[in-house]
C-alpha atoms as a PDB file:
ATOM      1  CA  LEU A   1      78.426  10.912 -58.825  1.00  0.00           C
ATOM      2  CA  THR A   2      74.831  11.446 -59.782  1.00  0.00           C
ATOM      3  CA  ASP A   3      72.704  14.505 -59.709  1.00  0.00           C
ATOM      4  CA  PRO A   4      69.226  16.076 -59.898  1.00  0.00           C
ATOM      5  CA  PRO A   5      70.033  19.767 -60.580  1.00  0.00           C
ATOM      6  CA  LYS A   6      67.791  22.754 -59.863  1.00  0.00           C
ATOM      7  CA  LEU A   7      68.410  25.244 -62.659  1.00  0.00           C
ATOM      8  CA  PRO A   8      66.970  28.568 -63.800  1.00  0.00           C
ATOM      9  CA  PRO A   9      65.556  28.793 -67.343  1.00  0.00           C
ATOM     10  CA  GLY A  10      68.233  28.989 -70.027  1.00  0.00           C
ATOM     11  CA  VAL A  11      70.866  27.015 -68.074  1.00  0.00           C
ATOM     12  CA  THR A  12      71.780  23.850 -69.972  1.00  0.00           C
ATOM     13  CA  ALA A  13      75.006  22.702 -68.305  1.00  0.00           C
ATOM     14  CA  VAL A  14      76.811  23.049 -64.970  1.00  0.00           C
ATOM     15  CA  TYR A  15      80.506  22.216 -64.742  1.00  0.00           C
ATOM     16  CA  ILE A  16      82.305  21.942 -61.414  1.00  0.00           C
ATOM     17  CA  LYS A  17      85.941  21.413 -60.544  1.00  0.00           C
ATOM     18  CA  TYR A  18      86.575  19.372 -57.414  1.00  0.00           C
ATOM     19  CA  SER A  19      89.672  18.602 -55.363  1.00  0.00           C
ATOM     20  CA  ASN A  20      91.019  17.721 -51.924  1.00  0.00           C
ATOM     21  CA  PHE A  21      88.984  14.567 -51.397  1.00  0.00           C
ATOM     22  CA  ALA A  22      89.397  12.916 -48.021  1.00  0.00           C
ATOM     23  CA  VAL A  23      87.655  10.049 -46.244  1.00  0.00           C
ATOM     24  CA  HIS A  24      87.067   9.935 -42.517  1.00  0.00           C
ATOM     25  CA  VAL A  25      87.864   6.908 -40.367  1.00  0.00           C
ATOM     26  CA  ALA A  26      84.806   5.973 -38.293  1.00  0.00           C
ATOM     27  CA  GLY A  27      85.307   6.459 -34.562  1.00  0.00           C
ATOM     28  CA  MET A  28      87.968   9.128 -34.910  1.00  0.00           C
ATOM     29  CA  GLY A  29      87.474  12.741 -33.866  1.00  0.00           C
ATOM     30  CA  ASN A  30      86.039  15.206 -36.354  1.00  0.00           C
ATOM     31  CA  GLU A  31      89.331  17.082 -36.788  1.00  0.00           C
ATOM     32  CA  SER A  32      91.435  13.926 -36.866  1.00  0.00           C
ATOM     33  CA  GLY A  33      90.868  10.755 -38.782  1.00  0.00           C
ATOM     34  CA  TRP A  34      90.801  12.350 -42.232  1.00  0.00           C
ATOM     35  CA  VAL A  35      92.712  10.382 -44.862  1.00  0.00           C
ATOM     36  CA  PRO A  36      93.574  12.415 -47.977  1.00  0.00           C
ATOM     37  CA  VAL A  37      92.684  10.767 -51.291  1.00  0.00           C
ATOM     38  CA  ASN A  38      94.421  12.074 -54.383  1.00  0.00           C
ATOM     39  CA  VAL A  39      91.307  12.886 -56.431  1.00  0.00           C
ATOM     40  CA  SER A  40      90.584  16.005 -58.440  1.00  0.00           C
ATOM     41  CA  GLY A  41      88.883  16.755 -61.707  1.00  0.00           C
ATOM     42  CA  GLU A  42      85.984  18.361 -63.498  1.00  0.00           C
ATOM     43  CA  ILE A  43      82.512  17.017 -64.167  1.00  0.00           C
ATOM     44  CA  GLU A  44      79.394  18.228 -65.955  1.00  0.00           C
ATOM     45  CA  LEU A  45      76.437  17.675 -63.631  1.00  0.00           C
ATOM     46  CA  THR A  46      73.340  18.074 -65.797  1.00  0.00           C
ATOM     47  CA  GLY A  47      74.206  14.940 -67.772  1.00  0.00           C
ATOM     48  CA  LEU A  48      74.136  12.811 -64.643  1.00  0.00           C
ATOM     49  CA  VAL A  49      70.425  12.557 -63.969  1.00  0.00           C
ATOM     50  CA  ASN A  50      69.873   8.868 -63.129  1.00  0.00           C
ATOM     51  CA  VAL A  51      73.433   8.164 -64.258  1.00  0.00           C
ATOM     52  CA  SER A  52      76.495   7.725 -62.086  1.00  0.00           C
ATOM     53  CA  GLN A  53      80.015   8.478 -63.211  1.00  0.00           C
ATOM     54  CA  THR A  54      83.108   7.049 -61.590  1.00  0.00           C
ATOM     55  CA  ILE A  55      85.418   9.877 -60.596  1.00  0.00           C
ATOM     56  CA  ALA A  56      88.158   7.759 -59.033  1.00  0.00           C
ATOM     57  CA  SER A  57      89.261   4.339 -57.928  1.00  0.00           C
ATOM     58  CA  VAL A  58      91.877   4.652 -55.218  1.00  0.00           C
ATOM     59  CA  PRO A  59      93.450   2.299 -52.712  1.00  0.00           C
ATOM     60  CA  ILE A  60      92.871   3.162 -49.047  1.00  0.00           C
ATOM     61  CA  GLU A  61      93.704   1.322 -45.843  1.00  0.00           C
ATOM     62  CA  LYS A  62      91.243  -1.277 -44.637  1.00  0.00           C
ATOM     63  CA  GLY A  63      88.718  -0.060 -42.099  1.00  0.00           C
ATOM     64  CA  ARG A  64      85.338   1.629 -41.745  1.00  0.00           C
ATOM     65  CA  TYR A  65      84.877   5.096 -43.239  1.00  0.00           C
ATOM     66  CA  ASN A  66      81.879   7.247 -42.363  1.00  0.00           C
ATOM     67  CA  GLN A  67      82.352  10.611 -44.154  1.00  0.00           C
ATOM     68  CA  ILE A  68      83.698  12.104 -47.359  1.00  0.00           C
ATOM     69  CA  ARG A  69      84.968  15.656 -47.702  1.00  0.00           C
ATOM     70  CA  PHE A  70      85.897  17.538 -50.858  1.00  0.00           C
ATOM     71  CA  ASN A  71      86.146  21.045 -52.269  1.00  0.00           C
ATOM     72  CA  VAL A  72      84.224  22.506 -55.172  1.00  0.00           C
ATOM     73  CA  THR A  73      86.871  24.904 -56.427  1.00  0.00           C
ATOM     74  CA  LYS A  74      85.220  26.368 -59.511  1.00  0.00           C
ATOM     75  CA  ALA A  75      81.903  26.322 -61.343  1.00  0.00           C
ATOM     76  CA  LEU A  76      80.914  27.233 -64.854  1.00  0.00           C
ATOM     77  CA  VAL A  77      77.325  27.609 -66.073  1.00  0.00           C
ATOM     78  CA  GLU A  78      76.230  27.353 -69.696  1.00  0.00           C
ATOM     79  CA  TYR A  79      73.437  29.872 -70.168  1.00  0.00           C
ATOM     80  CA  ASN A  80      71.837  30.611 -73.532  1.00  0.00           C
ATOM     81  CA  SER A  81      74.778  28.920 -75.282  1.00  0.00           C
ATOM     82  CA  ARG A  82      77.427  31.012 -73.458  1.00  0.00           C
ATOM     83  CA  ASN A  83      79.619  30.063 -70.504  1.00  0.00           C
ATOM     84  CA  TYR A  84      79.668  32.107 -67.302  1.00  0.00           C
ATOM     85  CA  THR A  85      81.752  31.656 -64.184  1.00  0.00           C
ATOM     86  CA  ALA A  86      79.540  31.080 -61.156  1.00  0.00           C
ATOM     87  CA  VAL A  87      80.167  32.024 -57.537  1.00  0.00           C
ATOM     88  CA  VAL A  88      80.438  28.853 -55.425  1.00  0.00           C
ATOM     89  CA  ARG A  89      78.700  29.318 -52.060  1.00  0.00           C
ATOM     90  CA  THR A  90      79.452  25.853 -50.702  1.00  0.00           C
ATOM     91  CA  GLY A  91      83.129  25.438 -51.462  1.00  0.00           C
ATOM     92  CA  GLN A  92      83.706  22.538 -49.076  1.00  0.00           C
ATOM     93  CA  LEU A  93      81.258  19.688 -48.690  1.00  0.00           C
ATOM     94  CA  THR A  94      81.467  17.220 -45.816  1.00  0.00           C
ATOM     95  CA  VAL A  95      79.109  14.345 -46.425  1.00  0.00           C
ATOM     96  CA  LYS A  96      78.101  11.576 -44.038  1.00  0.00           C
ATOM     97  CA  ILE A  97      78.101   8.138 -45.656  1.00  0.00           C
ATOM     98  CA  GLU A  98      74.688   6.732 -44.799  1.00  0.00           C
ATOM     99  CA  GLU A  99      73.988   3.252 -43.422  1.00  0.00           C
ATOM    100  CA  GLY A 100      76.987   3.379 -41.098  1.00  0.00           C
ATOM    101  CA  GLY A 101      79.568   4.050 -43.787  1.00  0.00           C
ATOM    102  CA  ILE A 102      81.615   1.702 -45.928  1.00  0.00           C
ATOM    103  CA  ILE A 103      83.927  -1.100 -44.924  1.00  0.00           C
ATOM    104  CA  VAL A 104      87.126  -1.389 -46.922  1.00  0.00           C
ATOM    105  CA  ASN A 105      88.964  -4.703 -46.954  1.00  0.00           C
ATOM    106  CA  ALA A 106      91.348  -6.544 -49.250  1.00  0.00           C
ATOM    107  CA  SER A 107      88.851  -9.095 -50.582  1.00  0.00           C
ATOM    108  CA  LYS A 108      86.603  -6.864 -52.722  1.00  0.00           C
ATOM    109  CA  PRO A 109      86.184  -3.225 -53.757  1.00  0.00           C
ATOM    110  CA  ALA A 110      83.977  -0.868 -51.754  1.00  0.00           C
ATOM    111  CA  PHE A 111      81.769   1.633 -53.581  1.00  0.00           C
ATOM    112  CA  THR A 112      80.236   4.902 -52.465  1.00  0.00           C
ATOM    113  CA  LEU A 113      77.775   6.910 -54.522  1.00  0.00           C
ATOM    114  CA  ILE A 114      77.908  10.670 -53.924  1.00  0.00           C
ATOM    115  CA  ASP A 115      74.656  12.319 -54.915  1.00  0.00           C
ATOM    116  CA  ILE A 116      75.353  16.031 -55.465  1.00  0.00           C
ATOM    117  CA  GLN A 117      72.307  18.262 -55.608  1.00  0.00           C
ATOM    118  CA  PRO A 118      73.358  21.670 -56.955  1.00  0.00           C
ATOM    119  CA  THR A 119      71.058  24.644 -57.075  1.00  0.00           C
ATOM    120  CA  VAL A 120      71.906  27.439 -59.499  1.00  0.00           C
ATOM    121  CA  PHE A 121      70.564  30.945 -58.963  1.00  0.00           C
ATOM    122  CA  ASN A 122      70.719  33.830 -61.423  1.00  0.00           C
ATOM    123  CA  PHE A 123      70.914  37.005 -59.333  1.00  0.00           C
ATOM    124  CA  GLY A 124      71.426  39.091 -62.442  1.00  0.00           C
ATOM    125  CA  ASN A 125      69.132  39.313 -65.439  1.00  0.00           C
ATOM    126  CA  ALA A 126      68.866  37.810 -68.925  1.00  0.00           C
ATOM    127  CA  THR A 127      71.424  40.171 -70.472  1.00  0.00           C
ATOM    128  CA  ASN A 128      73.785  40.444 -67.501  1.00  0.00           C
ATOM    129  CA  PRO A 129      73.543  37.192 -65.551  1.00  0.00           C
ATOM    130  CA  LEU A 130      75.231  36.628 -62.189  1.00  0.00           C
ATOM    131  CA  PHE A 131      75.198  32.951 -61.242  1.00  0.00           C
ATOM    132  CA  VAL A 132      75.595  31.531 -57.758  1.00  0.00           C
ATOM    133  CA  ILE A 133      75.761  27.804 -57.023  1.00  0.00           C
ATOM    134  CA  THR A 134      74.957  26.128 -53.745  1.00  0.00           C
ATOM    135  CA  ALA A 135      75.280  22.397 -53.340  1.00  0.00           C
ATOM    136  CA  ALA A 136      74.204  19.724 -50.951  1.00  0.00           C
ATOM    137  CA  ALA A 137      75.203  16.097 -51.164  1.00  0.00           C
ATOM    138  CA  LYS A 138      74.589  12.715 -49.656  1.00  0.00           C
ATOM    139  CA  ALA A 139      76.693   9.599 -49.870  1.00  0.00           C
ATOM    140  CA  VAL A 140      75.524   6.013 -49.759  1.00  0.00           C
ATOM    141  CA  PRO A 141      77.432   2.750 -49.815  1.00  0.00           C
ATOM    142  CA  VAL A 142      76.749   0.499 -52.784  1.00  0.00           C
ATOM    143  CA  SER A 143      77.357  -3.209 -52.381  1.00  0.00           C
ATOM    144  CA  PRO A 144      79.743  -4.768 -54.914  1.00  0.00           C
ATOM    145  CA  GLU A 145      76.985  -7.228 -55.860  1.00  0.00           C
ATOM    146  CA  GLU A 146      74.776  -4.352 -57.023  1.00  0.00           C
ATOM    147  CA  VAL A 147      77.324  -3.187 -59.591  1.00  0.00           C
ATOM    148  CA  GLU A 148      78.958  -6.475 -60.566  1.00  0.00           C
ATOM    149  CA  GLU A 149      77.313  -6.415 -64.017  1.00  0.00           C
ATOM    150  CA  GLU A 150      79.494  -3.366 -64.789  1.00  0.00           C
ATOM    151  CA  GLY A 151      82.577  -5.532 -64.332  1.00  0.00           C
ATOM    152  CA  GLU A 152      86.016  -3.975 -63.932  1.00  0.00           C
ATOM    153  CA  HIS A 153      84.867  -0.979 -66.018  1.00  0.00           C
ATOM    154  CA  ILE A 154      83.219   0.563 -62.966  1.00  0.00           C
ATOM    155  CA  LEU A 155      86.664   1.099 -61.454  1.00  0.00           C
ATOM    156  CA  GLN A 156      87.780   3.287 -64.369  1.00  0.00           C
ATOM    157  CA  ALA A 157      87.437   7.052 -63.966  1.00  0.00           C
ATOM    158  CA  GLY A 158      84.837   8.356 -66.396  1.00  0.00           C
ATOM    159  CA  HIS A 159      82.805   5.141 -66.507  1.00  0.00           C
ATOM    160  CA  ARG A 160      79.069   5.892 -66.631  1.00  0.00           C
ATOM    161  CA  MET A 161      76.398   3.574 -65.293  1.00  0.00           C
ATOM    162  CA  GLU A 162      72.672   3.947 -65.981  1.00  0.00           C
ATOM    163  CA  LEU A 163      70.793   3.932 -62.673  1.00  0.00           C
ATOM    164  CA  LYS A 164      67.200   4.111 -63.860  1.00  0.00           C
ATOM    165  CA  GLY A 165      65.423   0.820 -63.244  1.00  0.00           C
ATOM    166  CA  LYS A 166      67.970  -0.491 -60.729  1.00  0.00           C
ATOM    167  CA  THR A 167      66.078  -1.522 -57.601  1.00  0.00           C
ATOM    168  CA  TRP A 168      68.888  -0.548 -55.231  1.00  0.00           C
ATOM    169  CA  TRP A 169      68.976   2.974 -56.749  1.00  0.00           C
ATOM    170  CA  GLU A 170      65.200   3.384 -56.521  1.00  0.00           C
ATOM    171  CA  ASN A 171      65.427   2.411 -52.825  1.00  0.00           C
ATOM    172  CA  ILE A 172      68.084   5.107 -52.278  1.00  0.00           C
ATOM    173  CA  ARG A 173      66.052   7.784 -54.089  1.00  0.00           C
END
């Protein structure tokens, strides 16, 4: 995951909980072809500007996958050093994997970068804030050669990789 957030003044952190990841088999119907992936967790998004963080490394059947779907189940906003629960307007995100998707095979790992772009609104005021989060996302395949310098660490949940200065990332941006 990586992220360029749009935040109101005073917001210093945005935490989301995610669950119910699934990948879609290319060529299957929109309602069929979804393969559940056992991934859930929490991530702080403001710390991921030009940084990616591995959220999971899971085995899936070989094939071509063209979409990712997941739920944002909860959001918390840090505002003026206090935490506030935010209303999540886009609870389920279905994201097309650009460039035709990813191909999974047994010979090498396949990587997908999900770029979540949250926007936080404060519909309240400074003393009584009411936060609402909307999110959009895009997903792009990343070739194993582009991340080989990270070694096996990239497969570990929580691993962070600096993206600034990487040509392949600049081309995606």
